[in-house]
Amino acid sequence: MTEVPEAEAAKADERVVEAAKADERVVEAAKTDEQAVDAVKTHEQGHAKWAVGEWLGKPIIDRDGERIGKLRDVYVDVETDEPQFGTVKEGVFTRHLTFVPLAGVQVGPDYLQVTATKDQVRSAPDIELQGEELCQADESTLYHHFEQNYIPIKNESGRRLARR
């Protein structure tokens, strides 16, 4: 086991204390408990990561810059809490919810840019929403449509995604 010099250990301790103080400031600035949870989650995951409250309602554009719709819901991986899919209201006259992959999303000042094309999103399978989670078969269908690997997890439901 390598010994850590005292100066480096002290600096590490200072960083932990500063991070805890930063979390406290973030919580104090929040107006509701839900905002506090979202704010700490964002703070802990880093500036380049996500916060559900900040993403909902933002326009989604495809990798070529074409508008897809506005983000309605976010579905996260239940093991990592990382966003995997979102739903958007699509269409002008015949509006319906469509899933769009959020893996690799780029956060702009007033939009979210996904790696999929508008055509891929338009051709996504229609999935009936039932509660906060999708059934395992629907999850698999979504992952495969967007050419992503799907591995069911070993939990009671076997489901990988949950709505936030």
C-alpha atoms as a PDB file:
ATOM      1  CA  MET A   1       0.000   0.000   0.000  1.00  0.00           C
ATOM      2  CA  THR A   2       1.392   3.399  -0.993  1.00  0.00           C
ATOM      3  CA  GLU A   3       1.476   6.093   1.672  1.00  0.00           C
ATOM      4  CA  VAL A   4      -0.113   9.406   0.761  1.00  0.00           C
ATOM      5  CA  PRO A   5       1.929  12.439   1.855  1.00  0.00           C
ATOM      6  CA  GLU A   6       0.227  14.481   4.580  1.00  0.00           C
ATOM      7  CA  ALA A   7      -0.052  17.565   2.355  1.00  0.00           C
ATOM      8  CA  GLU A   8      -1.939  15.615  -0.340  1.00  0.00           C
ATOM      9  CA  ALA A   9      -4.231  14.020   2.251  1.00  0.00           C
ATOM     10  CA  ALA A  10      -5.014  17.451   3.725  1.00  0.00           C
ATOM     11  CA  LYS A  11      -5.849  18.826   0.252  1.00  0.00           C
ATOM     12  CA  ALA A  12      -8.149  15.886  -0.404  1.00  0.00           C
ATOM     13  CA  ASP A  13      -9.912  16.502   2.924  1.00  0.00           C
ATOM     14  CA  GLU A  14     -10.330  20.190   2.020  1.00  0.00           C
ATOM     15  CA  ARG A  15     -11.913  19.246  -1.323  1.00  0.00           C
ATOM     16  CA  VAL A  16     -14.413  16.944   0.413  1.00  0.00           C
ATOM     17  CA  VAL A  17     -15.377  19.716   2.858  1.00  0.00           C
ATOM     18  CA  GLU A  18     -15.739  22.240   0.003  1.00  0.00           C
ATOM     19  CA  ALA A  19     -17.933  19.821  -1.978  1.00  0.00           C
ATOM     20  CA  ALA A  20     -20.184  19.327   1.051  1.00  0.00           C
ATOM     21  CA  LYS A  21     -20.476  23.109   1.524  1.00  0.00           C
ATOM     22  CA  ALA A  22     -21.315  23.513  -2.175  1.00  0.00           C
ATOM     23  CA  ASP A  23     -24.103  20.918  -1.838  1.00  0.00           C
ATOM     24  CA  GLU A  24     -25.481  22.851   1.150  1.00  0.00           C
ATOM     25  CA  ARG A  25     -25.487  26.126  -0.844  1.00  0.00           C
ATOM     26  CA  VAL A  26     -27.289  24.408  -3.734  1.00  0.00           C
ATOM     27  CA  VAL A  27     -29.975  23.032  -1.393  1.00  0.00           C
ATOM     28  CA  GLU A  28     -30.448  26.401   0.333  1.00  0.00           C
ATOM     29  CA  ALA A  29     -30.975  28.116  -3.036  1.00  0.00           C
ATOM     30  CA  ALA A  30     -33.733  25.687  -4.053  1.00  0.00           C
ATOM     31  CA  LYS A  31     -37.332  26.789  -3.428  1.00  0.00           C
ATOM     32  CA  THR A  32     -38.831  23.303  -2.974  1.00  0.00           C
ATOM     33  CA  ASP A  33     -37.641  19.891  -1.833  1.00  0.00           C
ATOM     34  CA  GLU A  34     -37.975  18.578  -5.396  1.00  0.00           C
ATOM     35  CA  GLN A  35     -35.790  21.408  -6.728  1.00  0.00           C
ATOM     36  CA  ALA A  36     -33.251  20.673  -3.999  1.00  0.00           C
ATOM     37  CA  VAL A  37     -33.037  17.004  -4.994  1.00  0.00           C
ATOM     38  CA  ASP A  38     -32.672  17.928  -8.679  1.00  0.00           C
ATOM     39  CA  ALA A  39     -30.091  20.592  -7.889  1.00  0.00           C
ATOM     40  CA  VAL A  40     -27.928  18.304  -5.746  1.00  0.00           C
ATOM     41  CA  LYS A  41     -28.201  15.521  -8.329  1.00  0.00           C
ATOM     42  CA  THR A  42     -26.979  17.953 -11.002  1.00  0.00           C
ATOM     43  CA  HIS A  43     -24.233  19.341  -8.773  1.00  0.00           C
ATOM     44  CA  GLU A  44     -22.961  15.914  -7.759  1.00  0.00           C
ATOM     45  CA  GLN A  45     -22.949  14.612 -11.323  1.00  0.00           C
ATOM     46  CA  GLY A  46     -21.049  17.620 -12.677  1.00  0.00           C
ATOM     47  CA  HIS A  47     -21.871  20.615 -14.827  1.00  0.00           C
ATOM     48  CA  ALA A  48     -22.038  18.628 -18.067  1.00  0.00           C
ATOM     49  CA  LYS A  49     -24.653  16.258 -16.654  1.00  0.00           C
ATOM     50  CA  TRP A  50     -28.398  16.521 -16.438  1.00  0.00           C
ATOM     51  CA  ALA A  51     -31.167  17.842 -14.253  1.00  0.00           C
ATOM     52  CA  VAL A  52     -34.714  16.745 -15.025  1.00  0.00           C
ATOM     53  CA  GLY A  53     -36.208  20.107 -14.063  1.00  0.00           C
ATOM     54  CA  GLU A  54     -33.919  21.962 -16.448  1.00  0.00           C
ATOM     55  CA  TRP A  55     -34.515  19.603 -19.385  1.00  0.00           C
ATOM     56  CA  LEU A  56     -38.310  19.244 -19.408  1.00  0.00           C
ATOM     57  CA  GLY A  57     -39.974  21.418 -22.024  1.00  0.00           C
ATOM     58  CA  LYS A  58     -36.765  22.114 -23.937  1.00  0.00           C
ATOM     59  CA  PRO A  59     -36.807  21.655 -27.705  1.00  0.00           C
ATOM     60  CA  ILE A  60     -35.119  18.488 -28.975  1.00  0.00           C
ATOM     61  CA  ILE A  61     -33.153  18.711 -32.210  1.00  0.00           C
ATOM     62  CA  ASP A  62     -31.624  15.843 -34.138  1.00  0.00           C
ATOM     63  CA  ARG A  63     -27.948  15.421 -34.998  1.00  0.00           C
ATOM     64  CA  ASP A  64     -28.460  17.536 -38.141  1.00  0.00           C
ATOM     65  CA  GLY A  65     -30.146  20.387 -36.252  1.00  0.00           C
ATOM     66  CA  GLU A  66     -33.732  19.559 -37.303  1.00  0.00           C
ATOM     67  CA  ARG A  67     -36.397  20.169 -34.660  1.00  0.00           C
ATOM     68  CA  ILE A  68     -38.063  17.000 -33.368  1.00  0.00           C
ATOM     69  CA  GLY A  69     -40.318  18.305 -30.584  1.00  0.00           C
ATOM     70  CA  LYS A  70     -40.316  19.341 -26.922  1.00  0.00           C
ATOM     71  CA  LEU A  71     -39.109  17.002 -24.184  1.00  0.00           C
ATOM     72  CA  ARG A  72     -42.031  15.748 -22.095  1.00  0.00           C
ATOM     73  CA  ASP A  73     -40.581  12.961 -19.915  1.00  0.00           C
ATOM     74  CA  VAL A  74     -37.165  11.493 -19.151  1.00  0.00           C
ATOM     75  CA  TYR A  75     -36.580   7.766 -18.689  1.00  0.00           C
ATOM     76  CA  VAL A  76     -33.441   6.845 -16.776  1.00  0.00           C
ATOM     77  CA  ASP A  77     -31.486   3.633 -16.342  1.00  0.00           C
ATOM     78  CA  VAL A  78     -32.571   2.364 -12.912  1.00  0.00           C
ATOM     79  CA  GLU A  79     -29.026   1.250 -12.058  1.00  0.00           C
ATOM     80  CA  THR A  80     -27.114   4.398 -13.044  1.00  0.00           C
ATOM     81  CA  ASP A  81     -29.847   7.082 -12.959  1.00  0.00           C
ATOM     82  CA  GLU A  82     -28.489   8.316 -16.311  1.00  0.00           C
ATOM     83  CA  PRO A  83     -31.003   9.501 -18.931  1.00  0.00           C
ATOM     84  CA  GLN A  84     -31.559   6.921 -21.680  1.00  0.00           C
ATOM     85  CA  PHE A  85     -34.764   8.003 -23.445  1.00  0.00           C
ATOM     86  CA  GLY A  86     -37.169  10.889 -23.474  1.00  0.00           C
ATOM     87  CA  THR A  87     -40.608  11.419 -24.901  1.00  0.00           C
ATOM     88  CA  VAL A  88     -41.527  14.243 -27.247  1.00  0.00           C
ATOM     89  CA  LYS A  89     -44.849  15.473 -28.594  1.00  0.00           C
ATOM     90  CA  GLU A  90     -44.486  15.083 -32.311  1.00  0.00           C
ATOM     91  CA  GLY A  91     -46.519  16.467 -35.179  1.00  0.00           C
ATOM     92  CA  VAL A  92     -48.633  19.554 -35.706  1.00  0.00           C
ATOM     93  CA  PHE A  93     -52.087  18.101 -36.284  1.00  0.00           C
ATOM     94  CA  THR A  94     -51.784  14.487 -35.127  1.00  0.00           C
ATOM     95  CA  ARG A  95     -49.739  14.916 -31.968  1.00  0.00           C
ATOM     96  CA  HIS A  96     -48.544  11.807 -30.165  1.00  0.00           C
ATOM     97  CA  LEU A  97     -45.734  10.874 -27.762  1.00  0.00           C
ATOM     98  CA  THR A  98     -42.637   9.429 -29.354  1.00  0.00           C
ATOM     99  CA  PHE A  99     -39.491   8.109 -27.712  1.00  0.00           C
ATOM    100  CA  VAL A 100     -36.099   9.612 -28.517  1.00  0.00           C
ATOM    101  CA  PRO A 101     -32.722   8.309 -27.257  1.00  0.00           C
ATOM    102  CA  LEU A 102     -30.917  10.619 -24.832  1.00  0.00           C
ATOM    103  CA  ALA A 103     -27.600   8.750 -24.611  1.00  0.00           C
ATOM    104  CA  GLY A 104     -24.912  11.140 -25.830  1.00  0.00           C
ATOM    105  CA  VAL A 105     -27.228  14.178 -25.698  1.00  0.00           C
ATOM    106  CA  GLN A 106     -25.593  17.592 -26.049  1.00  0.00           C
ATOM    107  CA  VAL A 107     -27.060  20.338 -23.867  1.00  0.00           C
ATOM    108  CA  GLY A 108     -27.355  23.692 -25.626  1.00  0.00           C
ATOM    109  CA  PRO A 109     -28.433  27.000 -24.117  1.00  0.00           C
ATOM    110  CA  ASP A 110     -32.066  26.502 -25.157  1.00  0.00           C
ATOM    111  CA  TYR A 111     -32.191  23.032 -26.723  1.00  0.00           C
ATOM    112  CA  LEU A 112     -31.079  19.405 -26.368  1.00  0.00           C
ATOM    113  CA  GLN A 113     -29.362  17.821 -29.363  1.00  0.00           C
ATOM    114  CA  VAL A 114     -29.640  14.047 -29.701  1.00  0.00           C
ATOM    115  CA  THR A 115     -27.515  11.682 -31.782  1.00  0.00           C
ATOM    116  CA  ALA A 116     -30.510  10.178 -33.629  1.00  0.00           C
ATOM    117  CA  THR A 117     -31.995  11.522 -36.854  1.00  0.00           C
ATOM    118  CA  LYS A 118     -35.499  12.905 -37.139  1.00  0.00           C
ATOM    119  CA  ASP A 119     -36.399   9.974 -39.415  1.00  0.00           C
ATOM    120  CA  GLN A 120     -35.242   7.457 -36.786  1.00  0.00           C
ATOM    121  CA  VAL A 121     -37.439   9.150 -34.188  1.00  0.00           C
ATOM    122  CA  ARG A 122     -40.441   9.336 -36.542  1.00  0.00           C
ATOM    123  CA  SER A 123     -40.140   5.618 -37.297  1.00  0.00           C
ATOM    124  CA  ALA A 124     -39.819   4.648 -33.617  1.00  0.00           C
ATOM    125  CA  PRO A 125     -42.330   2.015 -32.496  1.00  0.00           C
ATOM    126  CA  ASP A 126     -45.586   3.154 -30.877  1.00  0.00           C
ATOM    127  CA  ILE A 127     -45.467   2.165 -27.245  1.00  0.00           C
ATOM    128  CA  GLU A 128     -48.339   2.323 -24.786  1.00  0.00           C
ATOM    129  CA  LEU A 129     -47.289   3.920 -21.526  1.00  0.00           C
ATOM    130  CA  GLN A 130     -48.496   2.196 -18.366  1.00  0.00           C
ATOM    131  CA  GLY A 131     -47.353   3.904 -15.183  1.00  0.00           C
ATOM    132  CA  GLU A 132     -43.782   4.990 -14.515  1.00  0.00           C
ATOM    133  CA  GLU A 133     -42.054   2.077 -16.260  1.00  0.00           C
ATOM    134  CA  LEU A 134     -42.192   0.362 -19.636  1.00  0.00           C
ATOM    135  CA  CYS A 135     -42.595  -3.382 -19.905  1.00  0.00           C
ATOM    136  CA  GLN A 136     -39.402  -5.314 -20.614  1.00  0.00           C
ATOM    137  CA  ALA A 137     -40.476  -6.146 -24.201  1.00  0.00           C
ATOM    138  CA  ASP A 138     -41.105  -2.451 -24.988  1.00  0.00           C
ATOM    139  CA  GLU A 139     -37.730  -1.507 -23.512  1.00  0.00           C
ATOM    140  CA  SER A 140     -36.014  -4.064 -25.700  1.00  0.00           C
ATOM    141  CA  THR A 141     -37.903  -2.820 -28.769  1.00  0.00           C
ATOM    142  CA  LEU A 142     -36.801   0.781 -28.099  1.00  0.00           C
ATOM    143  CA  TYR A 143     -33.148  -0.065 -27.548  1.00  0.00           C
ATOM    144  CA  HIS A 144     -33.024  -2.199 -30.695  1.00  0.00           C
ATOM    145  CA  HIS A 145     -34.828   0.372 -32.852  1.00  0.00           C
ATOM    146  CA  PHE A 146     -32.153   2.935 -31.998  1.00  0.00           C
ATOM    147  CA  GLU A 147     -29.409   0.308 -32.445  1.00  0.00           C
ATOM    148  CA  GLN A 148     -28.425   0.176 -28.778  1.00  0.00           C
ATOM    149  CA  ASN A 149     -27.613  -2.907 -26.715  1.00  0.00           C
ATOM    150  CA  TYR A 150     -30.323  -3.981 -24.309  1.00  0.00           C
ATOM    151  CA  ILE A 151     -29.542  -6.124 -21.305  1.00  0.00           C
ATOM    152  CA  PRO A 152     -32.387  -6.674 -18.817  1.00  0.00           C
ATOM    153  CA  ILE A 153     -31.323  -6.197 -15.238  1.00  0.00           C
ATOM    154  CA  LYS A 154     -31.807  -8.583 -12.378  1.00  0.00           C
ATOM    155  CA  ASN A 155     -34.405  -6.811 -10.312  1.00  0.00           C
ATOM    156  CA  GLU A 156     -37.968  -7.759  -9.438  1.00  0.00           C
ATOM    157  CA  SER A 157     -39.465  -6.311 -12.635  1.00  0.00           C
ATOM    158  CA  GLY A 158     -36.515  -6.968 -14.955  1.00  0.00           C
ATOM    159  CA  ARG A 159     -36.984  -3.455 -16.299  1.00  0.00           C
ATOM    160  CA  ARG A 160     -34.090  -1.135 -17.025  1.00  0.00           C
ATOM    161  CA  LEU A 161     -35.960   2.185 -17.470  1.00  0.00           C
ATOM    162  CA  ALA A 162     -37.981   4.348 -15.081  1.00  0.00           C
ATOM    163  CA  ARG A 163     -39.605   7.732 -15.685  1.00  0.00           C
ATOM    164  CA  ARG A 164     -38.301  10.744 -13.725  1.00  0.00           C
END
